[in-house]
């Protein structure tokens, strides 16, 4: 019984893992877009923004520079659309 991976088996496993992670990120982005469109059509986007903004700012402050920059960019983008 050989429990070791061949190089091709390992690369296939890593490629499959990368594909599943990428699929998850794409699905999450699609769900977020659908939620934003639904909130905008119902006229509740501003209410949701006021509810989520303090939590997003707190989340950004606890993270590193990439998290802070990304959160600030998203908040600025949402404020610009008004």
Protein backbone atom coordinates (compact mmCIF):
# COMPACT_ATOMS: atom_id res chain seq x y z
CA UNK A 1 0.00 0.00 0.00
CA UNK A 2 1.49 3.31 -1.14
CA UNK A 3 0.16 6.33 0.74
CA UNK A 4 2.35 8.90 -1.01
CA UNK A 5 1.09 11.15 -3.80
CA UNK A 6 2.61 11.29 -7.24
CA UNK A 7 3.52 14.77 -8.42
CA UNK A 8 0.69 14.69 -10.96
CA UNK A 9 -1.82 13.54 -8.31
CA UNK A 10 -0.72 16.32 -5.99
CA UNK A 11 -0.95 18.95 -8.73
CA UNK A 12 -4.40 17.68 -9.69
CA UNK A 13 -5.53 17.90 -6.08
CA UNK A 14 -4.14 21.43 -5.70
CA UNK A 15 -5.77 22.54 -8.96
CA UNK A 16 -9.11 21.09 -7.86
CA UNK A 17 -8.82 22.88 -4.52
CA UNK A 18 -8.04 26.18 -6.26
CA UNK A 19 -11.00 25.72 -8.61
CA UNK A 20 -13.37 25.06 -5.70
CA UNK A 21 -12.15 28.13 -3.81
CA UNK A 22 -12.51 30.29 -6.94
CA UNK A 23 -16.02 28.94 -7.52
CA UNK A 24 -16.95 29.78 -3.93
CA UNK A 25 -15.67 33.35 -4.29
CA UNK A 26 -17.58 33.82 -7.56
CA UNK A 27 -20.80 32.46 -6.04
CA UNK A 28 -20.41 34.71 -3.01
CA UNK A 29 -19.92 37.75 -5.26
CA UNK A 30 -23.01 36.80 -7.30
CA UNK A 31 -25.12 36.47 -4.15
CA UNK A 32 -23.92 39.88 -2.92
CA UNK A 33 -24.84 41.51 -6.24
CA UNK A 34 -28.32 39.94 -6.13
CA UNK A 35 -28.85 41.14 -2.55
CA UNK A 36 -27.74 44.69 -3.41
CA UNK A 37 -30.03 44.80 -6.45
CA UNK A 38 -32.98 43.53 -4.40
CA UNK A 39 -32.36 46.09 -1.66
CA UNK A 40 -32.03 48.88 -4.22
CA UNK A 41 -35.30 47.94 -5.95
CA UNK A 42 -37.17 47.83 -2.66
CA UNK A 43 -35.68 51.17 -1.60
CA UNK A 44 -34.00 49.74 1.49
CA UNK A 45 -30.36 50.05 0.42
CA UNK A 46 -29.82 53.19 2.53
CA UNK A 47 -31.31 51.53 5.59
CA UNK A 48 -29.07 48.47 5.11
CA UNK A 49 -26.03 50.72 4.58
CA UNK A 50 -26.68 52.60 7.84
CA UNK A 51 -27.01 49.27 9.65
CA UNK A 52 -23.87 47.66 8.17
CA UNK A 53 -21.45 50.61 8.00
CA UNK A 54 -20.41 50.62 11.71
CA UNK A 55 -19.79 46.86 11.59
CA UNK A 56 -17.76 47.17 8.40
CA UNK A 57 -15.63 49.98 9.84
CA UNK A 58 -14.98 47.96 13.00
CA UNK A 59 -14.07 44.89 10.92
CA UNK A 60 -11.69 46.99 8.82
CA UNK A 61 -9.92 48.48 11.85
CA UNK A 62 -9.16 45.03 13.26
CA UNK A 63 -7.54 43.88 10.02
CA UNK A 64 -4.39 44.68 8.16
CA UNK A 65 -3.81 47.34 5.54
CA UNK A 66 -5.42 45.34 2.72
CA UNK A 67 -8.62 44.83 4.69
CA UNK A 68 -8.73 48.51 5.71
CA UNK A 69 -8.13 49.73 2.17
CA UNK A 70 -10.69 47.40 0.65
CA UNK A 71 -13.38 48.32 3.16
CA UNK A 72 -12.74 52.05 2.73
CA UNK A 73 -12.92 51.71 -1.05
CA UNK A 74 -16.24 49.87 -0.86
CA UNK A 75 -17.71 52.42 1.56
CA UNK A 76 -16.56 55.33 -0.65
CA UNK A 77 -18.04 53.62 -3.72
CA UNK A 78 -21.38 53.09 -1.99
CA UNK A 79 -21.44 56.71 -0.79
CA UNK A 80 -20.65 57.97 -4.29
CA UNK A 81 -23.70 56.25 -5.82
CA UNK A 82 -26.16 58.37 -3.86
